[in-house]
């Protein structure tokens, strides 16, 4: 898959909610009511990531989950990353008690 141009990346990030650009990666932090809910969210990401054969880097910090997407094979951002971000947002939207907050 081809790398996105800087202009395409800027437009794609602007079209997302809560995702930020960090170098060659897009990143978002999610917060949940508790640790089991955070792990449930991560588990719910598995089928979509496997189907797409594209997996986020995942950090779990108690009830916070940070997802990062980049296309390692291309050494940068492709449409796959923004598709993954949209999938993660859809999974999060279907979980109860979701709270979002910015990085930090």
PDB file of N, CA and C in Angstrom:
ATOM      1  N   UNK A   1       0.848  -1.169   0.000  1.00  0.00           N
ATOM      2  CA  UNK A   1       0.000   0.000   0.000  1.00  0.00           C
ATOM      3  C   UNK A   1       0.893   1.231   0.000  1.00  0.00           C
ATOM      4  N   UNK A   2       0.511   2.230  -0.754  1.00  0.00           N
ATOM      5  CA  UNK A   2       1.333   3.427  -0.912  1.00  0.00           C
ATOM      6  C   UNK A   2       1.243   4.336   0.314  1.00  0.00           C
ATOM      7  N   UNK A   3       2.366   4.975   0.604  1.00  0.00           N
ATOM      8  CA  UNK A   3       2.373   5.979   1.671  1.00  0.00           C
ATOM      9  C   UNK A   3       1.484   7.144   1.285  1.00  0.00           C
ATOM     10  N   UNK A   4       0.848   7.728   2.279  1.00  0.00           N
ATOM     11  CA  UNK A   4       0.061   8.933   2.053  1.00  0.00           C
ATOM     12  C   UNK A   4       0.988  10.137   1.964  1.00  0.00           C
ATOM     13  N   UNK A   5       0.582  11.137   1.206  1.00  0.00           N
ATOM     14  CA  UNK A   5       1.350  12.374   1.117  1.00  0.00           C
ATOM     15  C   UNK A   5       1.122  13.186   2.390  1.00  0.00           C
ATOM     16  N   UNK A   6       1.994  14.130   2.684  1.00  0.00           N
ATOM     17  CA  UNK A   6       1.762  14.979   3.859  1.00  0.00           C
ATOM     18  C   UNK A   6       0.389  15.664   3.822  1.00  0.00           C
ATOM     19  N   UNK A   7      -0.050  16.073   2.656  1.00  0.00           N
ATOM     20  CA  UNK A   7      -1.355  16.722   2.530  1.00  0.00           C
ATOM     21  C   UNK A   7      -2.488  15.740   2.834  1.00  0.00           C
ATOM     22  N   UNK A   8      -2.362  14.519   2.338  1.00  0.00           N
ATOM     23  CA  UNK A   8      -3.371  13.490   2.611  1.00  0.00           C
ATOM     24  C   UNK A   8      -3.415  13.147   4.097  1.00  0.00           C
ATOM     25  N   UNK A   9      -2.245  13.089   4.722  1.00  0.00           N
ATOM     26  CA  UNK A   9      -2.181  12.790   6.153  1.00  0.00           C
ATOM     27  C   UNK A   9      -2.842  13.892   6.954  1.00  0.00           C
ATOM     28  N   UNK A  10      -2.536  15.135   6.632  1.00  0.00           N
ATOM     29  CA  UNK A  10      -3.136  16.273   7.345  1.00  0.00           C
ATOM     30  C   UNK A  10      -4.649  16.237   7.236  1.00  0.00           C
ATOM     31  N   UNK A  11      -5.157  15.998   6.034  1.00  0.00           N
ATOM     32  CA  UNK A  11      -6.610  15.939   5.830  1.00  0.00           C
ATOM     33  C   UNK A  11      -7.226  14.763   6.587  1.00  0.00           C
ATOM     34  N   UNK A  12      -6.561  13.621   6.568  1.00  0.00           N
ATOM     35  CA  UNK A  12      -7.100  12.437   7.243  1.00  0.00           C
ATOM     36  C   UNK A  12      -7.117  12.622   8.756  1.00  0.00           C
ATOM     37  N   UNK A  13      -6.082  13.225   9.312  1.00  0.00           N
ATOM     38  CA  UNK A  13      -6.056  13.472  10.768  1.00  0.00           C
ATOM     39  C   UNK A  13      -7.161  14.442  11.145  1.00  0.00           C
ATOM     40  N   UNK A  14      -7.355  15.486  10.339  1.00  0.00           N
ATOM     41  CA  UNK A  14      -8.418  16.460  10.623  1.00  0.00           C
ATOM     42  C   UNK A  14      -9.800  15.814  10.577  1.00  0.00           C
ATOM     43  N   UNK A  15      -9.939  14.761   9.771  1.00  0.00           N
ATOM     44  CA  UNK A  15     -11.231  14.082   9.623  1.00  0.00           C
ATOM     45  C   UNK A  15     -11.498  13.088  10.759  1.00  0.00           C
ATOM     46  N   UNK A  16     -10.510  12.858  11.617  1.00  0.00           N
ATOM     47  CA  UNK A  16     -10.693  11.943  12.730  1.00  0.00           C
ATOM     48  C   UNK A  16     -10.974  12.738  13.998  1.00  0.00           C
ATOM     49  N   UNK A  17     -11.540  12.072  14.976  1.00  0.00           N
ATOM     50  CA  UNK A  17     -11.803  12.720  16.259  1.00  0.00           C
ATOM     51  C   UNK A  17     -10.866  12.150  17.311  1.00  0.00           C
ATOM     52  N   UNK A  18      -9.995  13.012  17.831  1.00  0.00           N
ATOM     53  CA  UNK A  18      -9.137  12.611  18.932  1.00  0.00           C
ATOM     54  C   UNK A  18      -7.825  11.965  18.548  1.00  0.00           C
ATOM     55  N   UNK A  19      -7.616  11.682  17.269  1.00  0.00           N
ATOM     56  CA  UNK A  19      -6.357  11.090  16.820  1.00  0.00           C
ATOM     57  C   UNK A  19      -5.361  12.207  16.548  1.00  0.00           C
ATOM     58  N   UNK A  20      -4.121  11.982  16.934  1.00  0.00           N
ATOM     59  CA  UNK A  20      -3.071  12.979  16.714  1.00  0.00           C
ATOM     60  C   UNK A  20      -1.956  12.362  15.880  1.00  0.00           C
ATOM     61  N   UNK A  21      -1.253  13.219  15.194  1.00  0.00           N
ATOM     62  CA  UNK A  21      -0.113  12.812  14.389  1.00  0.00           C
ATOM     63  C   UNK A  21       1.144  12.980  15.220  1.00  0.00           C
ATOM     64  N   UNK A  22       1.921  11.916  15.315  1.00  0.00           N
ATOM     65  CA  UNK A  22       3.194  11.951  16.024  1.00  0.00           C
ATOM     66  C   UNK A  22       4.228  11.288  15.132  1.00  0.00           C
ATOM     67  N   UNK A  23       4.944  12.099  14.379  1.00  0.00           N
ATOM     68  CA  UNK A  23       5.920  11.561  13.441  1.00  0.00           C
ATOM     69  C   UNK A  23       5.230  10.765  12.352  1.00  0.00           C
ATOM     70  N   UNK A  24       5.552   9.490  12.261  1.00  0.00           N
ATOM     71  CA  UNK A  24       4.977   8.603  11.247  1.00  0.00           C
ATOM     72  C   UNK A  24       3.873   7.731  11.831  1.00  0.00           C
ATOM     73  N   UNK A  25       3.237   8.223  12.892  1.00  0.00           N
ATOM     74  CA  UNK A  25       2.246   7.445  13.637  1.00  0.00           C
ATOM     75  C   UNK A  25       1.029   8.312  13.939  1.00  0.00           C
ATOM     76  N   UNK A  26      -0.145   7.685  13.953  1.00  0.00           N
ATOM     77  CA  UNK A  26      -1.318   8.341  14.527  1.00  0.00           C
ATOM     78  C   UNK A  26      -1.605   7.648  15.850  1.00  0.00           C
ATOM     79  N   UNK A  27      -2.113   8.441  16.798  1.00  0.00           N
ATOM     80  CA  UNK A  27      -2.240   7.935  18.164  1.00  0.00           C
ATOM     81  C   UNK A  27      -3.505   8.508  18.815  1.00  0.00           C
ATOM     82  N   UNK A  28      -4.105   7.679  19.671  1.00  0.00           N
ATOM     83  CA  UNK A  28      -5.273   8.124  20.436  1.00  0.00           C
ATOM     84  C   UNK A  28      -5.295   7.402  21.764  1.00  0.00           C
ATOM     85  N   UNK A  29      -5.736   8.120  22.783  1.00  0.00           N
ATOM     86  CA  UNK A  29      -5.881   7.545  24.125  1.00  0.00           C
ATOM     87  C   UNK A  29      -7.365   7.435  24.461  1.00  0.00           C
ATOM     88  N   UNK A  30      -7.737   6.273  24.987  1.00  0.00           N
ATOM     89  CA  UNK A  30      -9.102   6.018  25.425  1.00  0.00           C
ATOM     90  C   UNK A  30      -9.074   5.760  26.924  1.00  0.00           C
ATOM     91  N   UNK A  31     -10.124   6.149  27.619  1.00  0.00           N
ATOM     92  CA  UNK A  31     -10.230   5.879  29.058  1.00  0.00           C
ATOM     93  C   UNK A  31     -11.528   5.126  29.326  1.00  0.00           C
ATOM     94  N   UNK A  32     -11.448   4.190  30.253  1.00  0.00           N
ATOM     95  CA  UNK A  32     -12.581   3.337  30.581  1.00  0.00           C
ATOM     96  C   UNK A  32     -12.858   3.392  32.079  1.00  0.00           C
ATOM     97  N   UNK A  33     -13.959   2.790  32.485  1.00  0.00           N
ATOM     98  CA  UNK A  33     -14.352   2.802  33.892  1.00  0.00           C
ATOM     99  C   UNK A  33     -13.365   2.040  34.773  1.00  0.00           C
ATOM    100  N   UNK A  34     -12.800   0.963  34.219  1.00  0.00           N
ATOM    101  CA  UNK A  34     -11.918   0.127  35.023  1.00  0.00           C
ATOM    102  C   UNK A  34     -11.045  -0.723  34.103  1.00  0.00           C
ATOM    103  N   UNK A  35     -10.155  -1.483  34.704  1.00  0.00           N
ATOM    104  CA  UNK A  35      -9.233  -2.328  33.953  1.00  0.00           C
ATOM    105  C   UNK A  35      -9.947  -3.377  33.114  1.00  0.00           C
ATOM    106  N   UNK A  36     -10.944  -4.101  33.654  1.00  0.00           N
ATOM    107  CA  UNK A  36     -11.623  -5.098  32.818  1.00  0.00           C
ATOM    108  C   UNK A  36     -12.246  -4.498  31.551  1.00  0.00           C
ATOM    109  N   UNK A  37     -12.805  -3.292  31.657  1.00  0.00           N
ATOM    110  CA  UNK A  37     -13.389  -2.655  30.480  1.00  0.00           C
ATOM    111  C   UNK A  37     -12.305  -2.285  29.466  1.00  0.00           C
ATOM    112  N   UNK A  38     -11.152  -1.838  29.949  1.00  0.00           N
ATOM    113  CA  UNK A  38     -10.038  -1.514  29.052  1.00  0.00           C
ATOM    114  C   UNK A  38      -9.578  -2.762  28.299  1.00  0.00           C
ATOM    115  N   UNK A  39      -9.475  -3.872  29.012  1.00  0.00           N
ATOM    116  CA  UNK A  39      -9.047  -5.122  28.385  1.00  0.00           C
ATOM    117  C   UNK A  39     -10.125  -5.632  27.423  1.00  0.00           C
ATOM    118  N   UNK A  40     -11.388  -5.439  27.769  1.00  0.00           N
ATOM    119  CA  UNK A  40     -12.479  -5.816  26.871  1.00  0.00           C
ATOM    120  C   UNK A  40     -12.366  -5.050  25.556  1.00  0.00           C
ATOM    121  N   UNK A  41     -12.078  -3.765  25.630  1.00  0.00           N
ATOM    122  CA  UNK A  41     -11.888  -2.946  24.425  1.00  0.00           C
ATOM    123  C   UNK A  41     -10.761  -3.516  23.564  1.00  0.00           C
ATOM    124  N   UNK A  42      -9.628  -3.800  24.181  1.00  0.00           N
ATOM    125  CA  UNK A  42      -8.496  -4.346  23.433  1.00  0.00           C
ATOM    126  C   UNK A  42      -8.881  -5.674  22.793  1.00  0.00           C
ATOM    127  N   UNK A  43      -9.557  -6.529  23.542  1.00  0.00           N
ATOM    128  CA  UNK A  43      -9.987  -7.821  22.997  1.00  0.00           C
ATOM    129  C   UNK A  43     -10.944  -7.645  21.827  1.00  0.00           C
ATOM    130  N   UNK A  44     -11.799  -6.641  21.913  1.00  0.00           N
ATOM    131  CA  UNK A  44     -12.769  -6.403  20.851  1.00  0.00           C
ATOM    132  C   UNK A  44     -12.109  -5.884  19.567  1.00  0.00           C
ATOM    133  N   UNK A  45     -10.889  -5.383  19.666  1.00  0.00           N
ATOM    134  CA  UNK A  45     -10.159  -4.917  18.484  1.00  0.00           C
ATOM    135  C   UNK A  45      -9.604  -6.077  17.650  1.00  0.00           C
ATOM    136  N   UNK A  46      -9.422  -7.224  18.282  1.00  0.00           N
ATOM    137  CA  UNK A  46      -8.717  -8.338  17.647  1.00  0.00           C
ATOM    138  C   UNK A  46      -9.352  -8.793  16.333  1.00  0.00           C
ATOM    139  N   UNK A  47     -10.648  -9.063  16.262  1.00  0.00           N
ATOM    140  CA  UNK A  47     -11.200  -9.567  14.993  1.00  0.00           C
ATOM    141  C   UNK A  47     -10.977  -8.613  13.821  1.00  0.00           C
ATOM    142  N   UNK A  48     -11.226  -7.337  14.018  1.00  0.00           N
ATOM    143  CA  UNK A  48     -11.037  -6.371  12.930  1.00  0.00           C
ATOM    144  C   UNK A  48      -9.585  -6.235  12.512  1.00  0.00           C
ATOM    145  N   UNK A  49      -8.693  -6.240  13.494  1.00  0.00           N
ATOM    146  CA  UNK A  49      -7.265  -6.144  13.182  1.00  0.00           C
ATOM    147  C   UNK A  49      -6.797  -7.384  12.428  1.00  0.00           C
ATOM    148  N   UNK A  50      -7.261  -8.543  12.847  1.00  0.00           N
ATOM    149  CA  UNK A  50      -6.892  -9.780  12.162  1.00  0.00           C
ATOM    150  C   UNK A  50      -7.456  -9.817  10.746  1.00  0.00           C
ATOM    151  N   UNK A  51      -8.725  -9.417  10.591  1.00  0.00           N
ATOM    152  CA  UNK A  51      -9.334  -9.402   9.256  1.00  0.00           C
ATOM    153  C   UNK A  51      -8.573  -8.488   8.307  1.00  0.00           C
ATOM    154  N   UNK A  52      -8.120  -7.354   8.816  1.00  0.00           N
ATOM    155  CA  UNK A  52      -7.388  -6.381   7.989  1.00  0.00           C
ATOM    156  C   UNK A  52      -5.908  -6.725   7.879  1.00  0.00           C
ATOM    157  N   UNK A  53      -5.448  -7.657   8.693  1.00  0.00           N
ATOM    158  CA  UNK A  53      -4.019  -7.982   8.792  1.00  0.00           C
ATOM    159  C   UNK A  53      -3.210  -6.706   9.042  1.00  0.00           C
ATOM    160  N   UNK A  54      -3.752  -5.876   9.946  1.00  0.00           N
ATOM    161  CA  UNK A  54      -3.098  -4.619  10.316  1.00  0.00           C
ATOM    162  C   UNK A  54      -3.414  -4.362  11.785  1.00  0.00           C
ATOM    163  N   UNK A  55      -2.377  -4.277  12.596  1.00  0.00           N
ATOM    164  CA  UNK A  55      -2.537  -4.281  14.047  1.00  0.00           C
ATOM    165  C   UNK A  55      -1.942  -3.029  14.673  1.00  0.00           C
ATOM    166  N   UNK A  56      -2.644  -2.443  15.631  1.00  0.00           N
ATOM    167  CA  UNK A  56      -2.093  -1.271  16.313  1.00  0.00           C
ATOM    168  C   UNK A  56      -1.063  -1.681  17.358  1.00  0.00           C
ATOM    169  N   UNK A  57      -0.201  -0.741  17.688  1.00  0.00           N
ATOM    170  CA  UNK A  57       0.598  -0.889  18.896  1.00  0.00           C
ATOM    171  C   UNK A  57      -0.316  -0.474  20.033  1.00  0.00           C
ATOM    172  N   UNK A  58      -0.293  -1.224  21.116  1.00  0.00           N
ATOM    173  CA  UNK A  58      -1.245  -1.036  22.206  1.00  0.00           C
ATOM    174  C   UNK A  58      -0.503  -0.885  23.525  1.00  0.00           C
ATOM    175  N   UNK A  59      -0.875   0.144  24.276  1.00  0.00           N
ATOM    176  CA  UNK A  59      -0.391   0.316  25.641  1.00  0.00           C
ATOM    177  C   UNK A  59      -1.608   0.304  26.552  1.00  0.00           C
ATOM    178  N   UNK A  60      -1.541  -0.479  27.608  1.00  0.00           N
ATOM    179  CA  UNK A  60      -2.611  -0.481  28.606  1.00  0.00           C
ATOM    180  C   UNK A  60      -2.016   0.029  29.912  1.00  0.00           C
ATOM    181  N   UNK A  61      -2.624   1.084  30.428  1.00  0.00           N
ATOM    182  CA  UNK A  61      -2.224   1.670  31.705  1.00  0.00           C
ATOM    183  C   UNK A  61      -3.466   1.699  32.598  1.00  0.00           C
ATOM    184  N   UNK A  62      -3.680   0.602  33.292  1.00  0.00           N
ATOM    185  CA  UNK A  62      -4.848   0.422  34.149  1.00  0.00           C
ATOM    186  C   UNK A  62      -6.120   0.606  33.337  1.00  0.00           C
ATOM    187  N   UNK A  63      -6.786   1.742  33.405  1.00  0.00           N
ATOM    188  CA  UNK A  63      -8.040   1.905  32.667  1.00  0.00           C
ATOM    189  C   UNK A  63      -7.891   2.807  31.444  1.00  0.00           C
ATOM    190  N   UNK A  64      -6.649   3.079  31.065  1.00  0.00           N
ATOM    191  CA  UNK A  64      -6.377   3.844  29.845  1.00  0.00           C
ATOM    192  C   UNK A  64      -5.738   2.925  28.808  1.00  0.00           C
ATOM    193  N   UNK A  65      -6.156   3.106  27.564  1.00  0.00           N
ATOM    194  CA  UNK A  65      -5.579   2.362  26.446  1.00  0.00           C
ATOM    195  C   UNK A  65      -5.118   3.377  25.411  1.00  0.00           C
ATOM    196  N   UNK A  66      -3.879   3.243  24.991  1.00  0.00           N
ATOM    197  CA  UNK A  66      -3.327   4.110  23.956  1.00  0.00           C
ATOM    198  C   UNK A  66      -3.066   3.243  22.731  1.00  0.00           C
ATOM    199  N   UNK A  67      -3.667   3.641  21.611  1.00  0.00           N
ATOM    200  CA  UNK A  67      -3.455   2.945  20.354  1.00  0.00           C
ATOM    201  C   UNK A  67      -2.587   3.806  19.446  1.00  0.00           C
ATOM    202  N   UNK A  68      -1.680   3.162  18.753  1.00  0.00           N
ATOM    203  CA  UNK A  68      -0.843   3.825  17.762  1.00  0.00           C
ATOM    204  C   UNK A  68      -0.871   2.999  16.490  1.00  0.00           C
ATOM    205  N   UNK A  69      -1.078   3.675  15.375  1.00  0.00           N
ATOM    206  CA  UNK A  69      -1.062   3.009  14.076  1.00  0.00           C
ATOM    207  C   UNK A  69       0.017   3.611  13.190  1.00  0.00           C
ATOM    208  N   UNK A  70       0.730   2.747  12.504  1.00  0.00           N
ATOM    209  CA  UNK A  70       1.639   3.087  11.423  1.00  0.00           C
ATOM    210  C   UNK A  70       1.775   1.834  10.581  1.00  0.00           C
ATOM    211  N   UNK A  71       2.132   1.989   9.328  1.00  0.00           N
ATOM    212  CA  UNK A  71       2.346   0.830   8.470  1.00  0.00           C
ATOM    213  C   UNK A  71       3.838   0.551   8.449  1.00  0.00           C
ATOM    214  N   UNK A  72       4.258  -0.402   9.262  1.00  0.00           N
ATOM    215  CA  UNK A  72       5.684  -0.696   9.428  1.00  0.00           C
ATOM    216  C   UNK A  72       6.339  -1.100   8.110  1.00  0.00           C
ATOM    217  N   UNK A  73       5.644  -1.874   7.280  1.00  0.00           N
ATOM    218  CA  UNK A  73       6.214  -2.318   6.008  1.00  0.00           C
ATOM    219  C   UNK A  73       6.511  -1.151   5.069  1.00  0.00           C
ATOM    220  N   UNK A  74       5.789  -0.061   5.230  1.00  0.00           N
ATOM    221  CA  UNK A  74       5.977   1.111   4.370  1.00  0.00           C
ATOM    222  C   UNK A  74       6.755   2.223   5.071  1.00  0.00           C
ATOM    223  N   UNK A  75       7.039   2.041   6.360  1.00  0.00           N
ATOM    224  CA  UNK A  75       7.747   3.040   7.159  1.00  0.00           C
ATOM    225  C   UNK A  75       7.024   4.387   7.168  1.00  0.00           C
ATOM    226  N   UNK A  76       5.725   4.325   7.382  1.00  0.00           N
ATOM    227  CA  UNK A  76       4.943   5.560   7.438  1.00  0.00           C
ATOM    228  C   UNK A  76       3.462   5.265   7.449  1.00  0.00           C
ATOM    229  N   UNK A  77       2.694   6.287   7.157  1.00  0.00           N
ATOM    230  CA  UNK A  77       1.238   6.189   7.222  1.00  0.00           C
ATOM    231  C   UNK A  77       0.627   5.874   5.862  1.00  0.00           C
ATOM    232  N   UNK A  78      -0.319   4.937   5.888  1.00  0.00           N
ATOM    233  CA  UNK A  78      -1.084   4.574   4.696  1.00  0.00           C
ATOM    234  C   UNK A  78      -2.571   4.614   5.058  1.00  0.00           C
ATOM    235  N   UNK A  79      -3.393   4.368   4.073  1.00  0.00           N
ATOM    236  CA  UNK A  79      -4.838   4.323   4.317  1.00  0.00           C
ATOM    237  C   UNK A  79      -5.192   3.252   5.344  1.00  0.00           C
ATOM    238  N   UNK A  80      -4.392   2.184   5.427  1.00  0.00           N
ATOM    239  CA  UNK A  80      -4.643   1.122   6.407  1.00  0.00           C
ATOM    240  C   UNK A  80      -4.686   1.671   7.830  1.00  0.00           C
ATOM    241  N   UNK A  81      -3.842   2.651   8.110  1.00  0.00           N
ATOM    242  CA  UNK A  81      -3.774   3.202   9.467  1.00  0.00           C
ATOM    243  C   UNK A  81      -5.049   3.949   9.824  1.00  0.00           C
ATOM    244  N   UNK A  82      -5.561   4.710   8.877  1.00  0.00           N
ATOM    245  CA  UNK A  82      -6.787   5.463   9.143  1.00  0.00           C
ATOM    246  C   UNK A  82      -8.010   4.534   9.137  1.00  0.00           C
ATOM    247  N   UNK A  83      -7.955   3.464   8.358  1.00  0.00           N
ATOM    248  CA  UNK A  83      -9.009   2.445   8.431  1.00  0.00           C
ATOM    249  C   UNK A  83      -8.992   1.783   9.810  1.00  0.00           C
ATOM    250  N   UNK A  84      -7.806   1.500  10.319  1.00  0.00           N
ATOM    251  CA  UNK A  84      -7.679   0.915  11.658  1.00  0.00           C
ATOM    252  C   UNK A  84      -8.197   1.854  12.727  1.00  0.00           C
ATOM    253  N   UNK A  85      -7.882   3.134  12.585  1.00  0.00           N
ATOM    254  CA  UNK A  85      -8.363   4.128  13.547  1.00  0.00           C
ATOM    255  C   UNK A  85      -9.893   4.189  13.539  1.00  0.00           C
ATOM    256  N   UNK A  86     -10.481   4.161  12.357  1.00  0.00           N
ATOM    257  CA  UNK A  86     -11.949   4.187  12.253  1.00  0.00           C
ATOM    258  C   UNK A  86     -12.560   2.934  12.878  1.00  0.00           C
ATOM    259  N   UNK A  87     -11.924   1.797  12.665  1.00  0.00           N
ATOM    260  CA  UNK A  87     -12.408   0.550  13.261  1.00  0.00           C
ATOM    261  C   UNK A  87     -12.338   0.639  14.787  1.00  0.00           C
ATOM    262  N   UNK A  88     -11.219   1.145  15.316  1.00  0.00           N
ATOM    263  CA  UNK A  88     -11.068   1.269  16.767  1.00  0.00           C
ATOM    264  C   UNK A  88     -12.114   2.218  17.344  1.00  0.00           C
ATOM    265  N   UNK A  89     -12.363   3.325  16.651  1.00  0.00           N
ATOM    266  CA  UNK A  89     -13.399   4.259  17.123  1.00  0.00           C
ATOM    267  C   UNK A  89     -14.772   3.596  17.142  1.00  0.00           C
ATOM    268  N   UNK A  90     -15.067   2.791  16.124  1.00  0.00           N
ATOM    269  CA  UNK A  90     -16.356   2.096  16.073  1.00  0.00           C
ATOM    270  C   UNK A  90     -16.474   1.087  17.214  1.00  0.00           C
ATOM    271  N   UNK A  91     -15.399   0.361  17.485  1.00  0.00           N
ATOM    272  CA  UNK A  91     -15.410  -0.587  18.603  1.00  0.00           C
ATOM    273  C   UNK A  91     -15.640   0.166  19.908  1.00  0.00           C
ATOM    274  N   UNK A  92     -14.924   1.266  20.101  1.00  0.00           N
ATOM    275  CA  UNK A  92     -15.060   2.054  21.328  1.00  0.00           C
ATOM    276  C   UNK A  92     -16.479   2.603  21.486  1.00  0.00           C
ATOM    277  N   UNK A  93     -17.070   3.023  20.376  1.00  0.00           N
ATOM    278  CA  UNK A  93     -18.418   3.600  20.432  1.00  0.00           C
ATOM    279  C   UNK A  93     -19.461   2.578  20.873  1.00  0.00           C
ATOM    280  N   UNK A  94     -19.155   1.308  20.683  1.00  0.00           N
ATOM    281  CA  UNK A  94     -20.099   0.260  21.059  1.00  0.00           C
ATOM    282  C   UNK A  94     -19.881  -0.302  22.452  1.00  0.00           C
ATOM    283  N   UNK A  95     -18.887   0.212  23.164  1.00  0.00           N
ATOM    284  CA  UNK A  95     -18.657  -0.223  24.544  1.00  0.00           C
ATOM    285  C   UNK A  95     -19.355   0.738  25.499  1.00  0.00           C
ATOM    286  N   UNK A  96     -19.939   0.227  26.555  1.00  0.00           N
ATOM    287  CA  UNK A  96     -20.580   1.112  27.530  1.00  0.00           C
ATOM    288  C   UNK A  96     -19.542   1.844  28.374  1.00  0.00           C
ATOM    289  N   UNK A  97     -19.919   2.981  28.892  1.00  0.00           N
ATOM    290  CA  UNK A  97     -19.132   3.729  29.866  1.00  0.00           C
ATOM    291  C   UNK A  97     -17.815   4.280  29.326  1.00  0.00           C
ATOM    292  N   UNK A  98     -17.728   4.497  28.019  1.00  0.00           N
ATOM    293  CA  UNK A  98     -16.498   5.016  27.445  1.00  0.00           C
ATOM    294  C   UNK A  98     -16.350   6.497  27.742  1.00  0.00           C
ATOM    295  N   UNK A  99     -15.160   6.870  28.166  1.00  0.00           N
ATOM    296  CA  UNK A  99     -14.810   8.282  28.316  1.00  0.00           C
ATOM    297  C   UNK A  99     -13.545   8.488  27.503  1.00  0.00           C
ATOM    298  N   UNK A 100     -13.521   9.541  26.708  1.00  0.00           N
ATOM    299  CA  UNK A 100     -12.326   9.857  25.936  1.00  0.00           C
ATOM    300  C   UNK A 100     -11.658  11.065  26.551  1.00  0.00           C
ATOM    301  N   UNK A 101     -10.360  11.082  26.498  1.00  0.00           N
ATOM    302  CA  UNK A 101      -9.643  12.297  26.895  1.00  0.00           C
ATOM    303  C   UNK A 101      -8.345  12.346  26.134  1.00  0.00           C
ATOM    304  N   UNK A 102      -7.762  13.536  26.046  1.00  0.00           N
ATOM    305  CA  UNK A 102      -6.558  13.741  25.265  1.00  0.00           C
ATOM    306  C   UNK A 102      -5.348  13.115  25.916  1.00  0.00           C
ATOM    307  N   UNK A 103      -4.286  13.067  25.158  1.00  0.00           N
ATOM    308  CA  UNK A 103      -3.017  12.542  25.670  1.00  0.00           C
ATOM    309  C   UNK A 103      -2.581  13.363  26.864  1.00  0.00           C
ATOM    310  N   UNK A 104      -1.937  12.677  27.781  1.00  0.00           N
ATOM    311  CA  UNK A 104      -1.380  13.412  28.900  1.00  0.00           C
ATOM    312  C   UNK A 104      -1.608  12.742  30.210  1.00  0.00           C
TER     313      UNK A 104
END
